[in-house]
């Protein structure tokens, strides 16, 4: 987060900078903090939907949409791993009619 930013604003800015899309945030799914390279990294997961733009990978070599069935075969950053159960729960939850 940049000075003066709250978490939602920082997430929206990061997604805009890294994927060139605007998003609307929904439910906050959780957070985790892990040590990495001598610092503590805090990762928060939120539900979000794209509200404007098409995904363009700015800082990444590749990207793809995945489902929980794909999770075991993917390489995850240590901060991501504790959040996977929350993502799986949201994915499999019944959708409102």
N, C-alpha and C. Protein backbone atom coordinates (compact mmCIF):
# COMPACT_ATOMS: atom_id res chain seq x y z
N UNK A 1 0.84 -1.18 0.00
CA UNK A 1 0.00 0.00 0.00
C UNK A 1 0.89 1.24 0.00
N UNK A 2 0.45 2.22 -0.74
CA UNK A 2 1.14 3.50 -0.77
C UNK A 2 0.69 4.32 0.44
N UNK A 3 1.50 5.29 0.87
CA UNK A 3 1.08 6.14 1.99
C UNK A 3 -0.28 6.78 1.71
N UNK A 4 -1.16 6.72 2.69
CA UNK A 4 -2.48 7.33 2.57
C UNK A 4 -3.53 6.44 1.93
N UNK A 5 -3.15 5.26 1.43
CA UNK A 5 -4.12 4.35 0.80
C UNK A 5 -4.72 3.40 1.82
N UNK A 6 -6.00 3.12 1.64
CA UNK A 6 -6.59 2.02 2.39
C UNK A 6 -6.46 0.76 1.52
N UNK A 7 -6.78 -0.39 2.10
CA UNK A 7 -6.60 -1.64 1.38
C UNK A 7 -7.38 -1.72 0.07
N UNK A 8 -8.67 -1.39 0.05
CA UNK A 8 -9.40 -1.45 -1.23
C UNK A 8 -8.80 -0.56 -2.32
N UNK A 9 -8.40 0.64 -1.96
CA UNK A 9 -7.81 1.55 -2.94
C UNK A 9 -6.50 1.00 -3.47
N UNK A 10 -5.69 0.42 -2.59
CA UNK A 10 -4.40 -0.15 -3.01
C UNK A 10 -4.62 -1.33 -3.96
N UNK A 11 -5.59 -2.18 -3.66
CA UNK A 11 -5.86 -3.34 -4.52
C UNK A 11 -6.32 -2.87 -5.90
N UNK A 12 -7.24 -1.92 -5.93
CA UNK A 12 -7.72 -1.41 -7.21
C UNK A 12 -6.59 -0.78 -8.01
N UNK A 13 -5.70 -0.04 -7.36
CA UNK A 13 -4.57 0.57 -8.05
C UNK A 13 -3.63 -0.50 -8.59
N UNK A 14 -3.30 -1.50 -7.77
CA UNK A 14 -2.39 -2.56 -8.21
C UNK A 14 -2.96 -3.32 -9.41
N UNK A 15 -4.25 -3.63 -9.38
CA UNK A 15 -4.87 -4.35 -10.50
C UNK A 15 -4.84 -3.47 -11.75
N UNK A 16 -5.12 -2.19 -11.59
CA UNK A 16 -5.07 -1.26 -12.73
C UNK A 16 -3.66 -1.22 -13.31
N UNK A 17 -2.63 -1.13 -12.45
CA UNK A 17 -1.24 -1.05 -12.91
C UNK A 17 -0.76 -2.35 -13.54
N UNK A 18 -1.15 -3.50 -12.99
CA UNK A 18 -0.61 -4.78 -13.44
C UNK A 18 -1.45 -5.47 -14.51
N UNK A 19 -2.76 -5.17 -14.57
CA UNK A 19 -3.64 -5.85 -15.52
C UNK A 19 -4.42 -4.90 -16.42
N UNK A 20 -4.29 -3.61 -16.22
CA UNK A 20 -4.93 -2.59 -17.06
C UNK A 20 -6.45 -2.67 -17.07
N UNK A 21 -7.07 -3.07 -15.96
CA UNK A 21 -8.53 -3.09 -15.85
C UNK A 21 -8.96 -2.40 -14.57
N UNK A 22 -10.19 -1.93 -14.58
CA UNK A 22 -10.82 -1.39 -13.38
C UNK A 22 -11.65 -2.51 -12.76
N UNK A 23 -11.67 -2.57 -11.43
CA UNK A 23 -12.44 -3.60 -10.73
C UNK A 23 -13.32 -2.99 -9.66
N UNK A 24 -14.38 -3.70 -9.33
CA UNK A 24 -15.21 -3.40 -8.17
C UNK A 24 -14.97 -4.52 -7.17
N UNK A 25 -14.65 -4.16 -5.95
CA UNK A 25 -14.40 -5.16 -4.92
C UNK A 25 -15.69 -5.59 -4.26
N UNK A 26 -15.74 -6.86 -3.93
CA UNK A 26 -16.86 -7.42 -3.20
C UNK A 26 -16.42 -7.80 -1.80
N UNK A 27 -16.73 -9.02 -1.42
CA UNK A 27 -16.43 -9.54 -0.08
C UNK A 27 -14.93 -9.76 0.11
N UNK A 28 -14.45 -9.40 1.29
CA UNK A 28 -13.06 -9.69 1.66
C UNK A 28 -13.03 -11.13 2.18
N UNK A 29 -12.16 -11.94 1.59
CA UNK A 29 -12.12 -13.36 1.91
C UNK A 29 -11.15 -13.71 3.03
N UNK A 30 -10.19 -12.87 3.28
CA UNK A 30 -9.23 -13.15 4.35
C UNK A 30 -7.88 -12.58 4.05
N UNK A 31 -6.94 -12.85 4.96
CA UNK A 31 -5.58 -12.39 4.77
C UNK A 31 -4.62 -13.34 5.45
N UNK A 32 -3.37 -13.27 5.05
CA UNK A 32 -2.32 -14.06 5.66
C UNK A 32 -1.04 -13.23 5.65
N UNK A 33 -0.15 -13.51 6.57
CA UNK A 33 1.15 -12.85 6.62
C UNK A 33 2.22 -13.93 6.73
N UNK A 34 3.22 -13.83 5.87
CA UNK A 34 4.31 -14.83 5.86
C UNK A 34 5.65 -14.12 5.74
N UNK A 35 6.71 -14.74 6.29
CA UNK A 35 8.05 -14.17 6.09
C UNK A 35 8.54 -14.46 4.67
N UNK A 36 9.21 -13.47 4.08
CA UNK A 36 9.76 -13.64 2.74
C UNK A 36 10.93 -12.68 2.56
N UNK A 37 12.09 -13.22 2.26
CA UNK A 37 13.29 -12.41 1.99
C UNK A 37 13.55 -11.37 3.07
N UNK A 38 13.42 -11.77 4.33
CA UNK A 38 13.74 -10.88 5.44
C UNK A 38 12.67 -9.88 5.82
N UNK A 39 11.53 -9.91 5.16
CA UNK A 39 10.41 -9.03 5.51
C UNK A 39 9.16 -9.89 5.72
N UNK A 40 8.12 -9.28 6.22
CA UNK A 40 6.84 -9.97 6.36
C UNK A 40 5.92 -9.48 5.25
N UNK A 41 5.36 -10.42 4.50
CA UNK A 41 4.47 -10.10 3.39
C UNK A 41 3.04 -10.39 3.81
N UNK A 42 2.17 -9.39 3.68
CA UNK A 42 0.75 -9.57 3.99
C UNK A 42 -0.02 -9.64 2.68
N UNK A 43 -0.82 -10.70 2.55
CA UNK A 43 -1.62 -10.91 1.33
C UNK A 43 -3.09 -10.94 1.75
N UNK A 44 -3.89 -10.15 1.07
CA UNK A 44 -5.34 -10.16 1.30
C UNK A 44 -6.03 -10.64 0.04
N UNK A 45 -7.09 -11.41 0.21
CA UNK A 45 -7.88 -11.90 -0.93
C UNK A 45 -9.28 -11.29 -0.85
N UNK A 46 -9.75 -10.81 -1.98
CA UNK A 46 -11.07 -10.20 -2.10
C UNK A 46 -11.79 -10.78 -3.31
N UNK A 47 -13.08 -10.81 -3.26
CA UNK A 47 -13.89 -11.06 -4.45
C UNK A 47 -13.85 -9.76 -5.27
N UNK A 48 -13.82 -9.89 -6.58
CA UNK A 48 -13.80 -8.70 -7.43
C UNK A 48 -14.37 -9.05 -8.79
N UNK A 49 -14.82 -8.02 -9.49
CA UNK A 49 -15.26 -8.21 -10.87
C UNK A 49 -14.72 -7.07 -11.69
N UNK A 50 -14.41 -7.37 -12.94
CA UNK A 50 -13.91 -6.36 -13.86
C UNK A 50 -15.08 -5.47 -14.27
N UNK A 51 -14.90 -4.16 -14.13
CA UNK A 51 -15.95 -3.22 -14.51
C UNK A 51 -15.61 -2.44 -15.78
N UNK A 52 -14.32 -2.43 -16.15
CA UNK A 52 -13.95 -1.70 -17.36
C UNK A 52 -12.59 -2.20 -17.85
N UNK A 53 -12.49 -2.37 -19.16
CA UNK A 53 -11.23 -2.73 -19.78
C UNK A 53 -11.11 -4.22 -20.08
N UNK A 54 -10.04 -4.54 -20.77
CA UNK A 54 -9.67 -5.92 -21.09
C UNK A 54 -8.34 -6.19 -20.43
N UNK A 55 -8.18 -7.39 -19.89
CA UNK A 55 -6.94 -7.74 -19.21
C UNK A 55 -5.76 -7.66 -20.18
N UNK A 56 -4.74 -6.88 -19.76
CA UNK A 56 -3.47 -6.78 -20.47
C UNK A 56 -2.40 -7.06 -19.42
N UNK A 57 -1.54 -8.05 -19.67
CA UNK A 57 -0.49 -8.38 -18.72
C UNK A 57 0.64 -7.37 -18.84
N UNK A 58 0.78 -6.51 -17.83
CA UNK A 58 1.79 -5.46 -17.84
C UNK A 58 3.09 -5.97 -17.21
N UNK A 59 3.00 -6.63 -16.06
CA UNK A 59 4.19 -7.07 -15.33
C UNK A 59 4.33 -8.59 -15.29
N UNK A 60 3.60 -9.30 -16.09
CA UNK A 60 3.60 -10.76 -16.04
C UNK A 60 3.82 -11.34 -17.43
N UNK A 61 4.48 -12.49 -17.47
CA UNK A 61 4.74 -13.16 -18.75
C UNK A 61 3.55 -13.95 -19.26
N UNK A 62 2.74 -14.46 -18.33
CA UNK A 62 1.56 -15.23 -18.74
C UNK A 62 0.49 -15.16 -17.66
N UNK A 63 -0.73 -15.43 -18.06
CA UNK A 63 -1.85 -15.45 -17.14
C UNK A 63 -2.91 -16.38 -17.69
N UNK A 64 -3.74 -16.90 -16.80
CA UNK A 64 -4.86 -17.74 -17.23
C UNK A 64 -5.89 -17.81 -16.12
N UNK A 65 -7.12 -18.09 -16.51
CA UNK A 65 -8.19 -18.30 -15.55
C UNK A 65 -8.12 -19.76 -15.12
N UNK A 66 -8.25 -20.01 -13.82
CA UNK A 66 -8.18 -21.38 -13.31
C UNK A 66 -9.34 -21.63 -12.36
N UNK A 67 -9.60 -22.90 -12.09
CA UNK A 67 -10.60 -23.30 -11.10
C UNK A 67 -9.89 -24.06 -9.99
N UNK A 68 -10.56 -24.33 -8.88
CA UNK A 68 -9.92 -25.09 -7.80
C UNK A 68 -9.38 -26.44 -8.25
N UNK A 69 -9.95 -27.04 -9.28
CA UNK A 69 -9.40 -28.30 -9.79
C UNK A 69 -7.96 -28.13 -10.27
N UNK A 70 -7.60 -26.92 -10.68
CA UNK A 70 -6.25 -26.63 -11.17
C UNK A 70 -5.26 -26.32 -10.04
N UNK A 71 -5.76 -25.98 -8.86
CA UNK A 71 -4.90 -25.49 -7.77
C UNK A 71 -3.72 -26.41 -7.46
N UNK A 72 -3.93 -27.73 -7.33
CA UNK A 72 -2.79 -28.58 -6.93
C UNK A 72 -1.62 -28.56 -7.91
N UNK A 73 -1.85 -28.32 -9.17
CA UNK A 73 -0.79 -28.33 -10.15
C UNK A 73 -0.11 -27.00 -10.38
N UNK A 74 -0.49 -25.98 -9.64
CA UNK A 74 0.07 -24.64 -9.83
C UNK A 74 1.12 -24.31 -8.78
N UNK A 75 2.06 -23.46 -9.14
CA UNK A 75 3.07 -22.98 -8.20
C UNK A 75 2.51 -21.73 -7.52
N UNK A 76 2.38 -21.78 -6.21
CA UNK A 76 1.80 -20.67 -5.46
C UNK A 76 2.87 -19.99 -4.62
N UNK A 77 2.78 -18.69 -4.48
CA UNK A 77 3.62 -17.96 -3.54
C UNK A 77 3.21 -18.38 -2.12
N UNK A 78 4.16 -18.41 -1.18
CA UNK A 78 3.82 -18.84 0.18
C UNK A 78 2.66 -18.07 0.81
N UNK A 79 2.51 -16.79 0.49
CA UNK A 79 1.42 -16.00 1.05
C UNK A 79 0.06 -16.40 0.47
N UNK A 80 0.05 -17.00 -0.72
CA UNK A 80 -1.21 -17.42 -1.36
C UNK A 80 -1.79 -18.69 -0.73
N UNK A 81 -0.93 -19.61 -0.35
CA UNK A 81 -1.36 -20.96 0.04
C UNK A 81 -2.42 -20.96 1.15
N UNK A 82 -2.27 -20.19 2.23
CA UNK A 82 -3.30 -20.22 3.28
C UNK A 82 -4.66 -19.68 2.82
N UNK A 83 -4.71 -18.94 1.72
CA UNK A 83 -5.96 -18.37 1.23
C UNK A 83 -6.70 -19.29 0.27
N UNK A 84 -6.08 -20.37 -0.19
CA UNK A 84 -6.71 -21.25 -1.16
C UNK A 84 -8.02 -21.86 -0.66
N UNK A 85 -8.13 -22.29 0.61
CA UNK A 85 -9.43 -22.82 1.05
C UNK A 85 -10.56 -21.81 0.94
N UNK A 86 -10.30 -20.54 1.22
CA UNK A 86 -11.34 -19.52 1.09
C UNK A 86 -11.74 -19.35 -0.38
N UNK A 87 -10.78 -19.41 -1.28
CA UNK A 87 -11.09 -19.30 -2.71
C UNK A 87 -11.90 -20.50 -3.18
N UNK A 88 -11.55 -21.68 -2.71
CA UNK A 88 -12.29 -22.88 -3.09
C UNK A 88 -13.74 -22.80 -2.58
N UNK A 89 -13.91 -22.31 -1.35
CA UNK A 89 -15.26 -22.20 -0.77
C UNK A 89 -16.12 -21.25 -1.60
N UNK A 90 -15.57 -20.11 -1.98
CA UNK A 90 -16.33 -19.15 -2.79
C UNK A 90 -16.66 -19.75 -4.14
N UNK A 91 -15.72 -20.46 -4.73
CA UNK A 91 -15.91 -21.05 -6.06
C UNK A 91 -17.06 -22.05 -6.05
N UNK A 92 -17.14 -22.84 -5.00
CA UNK A 92 -18.13 -23.92 -4.95
C UNK A 92 -19.45 -23.52 -4.29
N UNK A 93 -19.52 -22.32 -3.74
CA UNK A 93 -20.76 -21.86 -3.09
C UNK A 93 -21.87 -21.67 -4.11
N UNK A 94 -23.10 -21.98 -3.71
CA UNK A 94 -24.22 -21.72 -4.63
C UNK A 94 -24.31 -20.25 -5.01
N UNK A 95 -24.59 -19.97 -6.24
CA UNK A 95 -24.74 -18.60 -6.72
C UNK A 95 -26.16 -18.12 -6.43
N UNK A 96 -26.34 -16.87 -6.07
CA UNK A 96 -27.69 -16.34 -5.84
C UNK A 96 -28.49 -16.40 -7.15
N UNK A 97 -29.77 -16.66 -7.01
CA UNK A 97 -30.66 -16.73 -8.20
C UNK A 97 -30.96 -15.36 -8.74
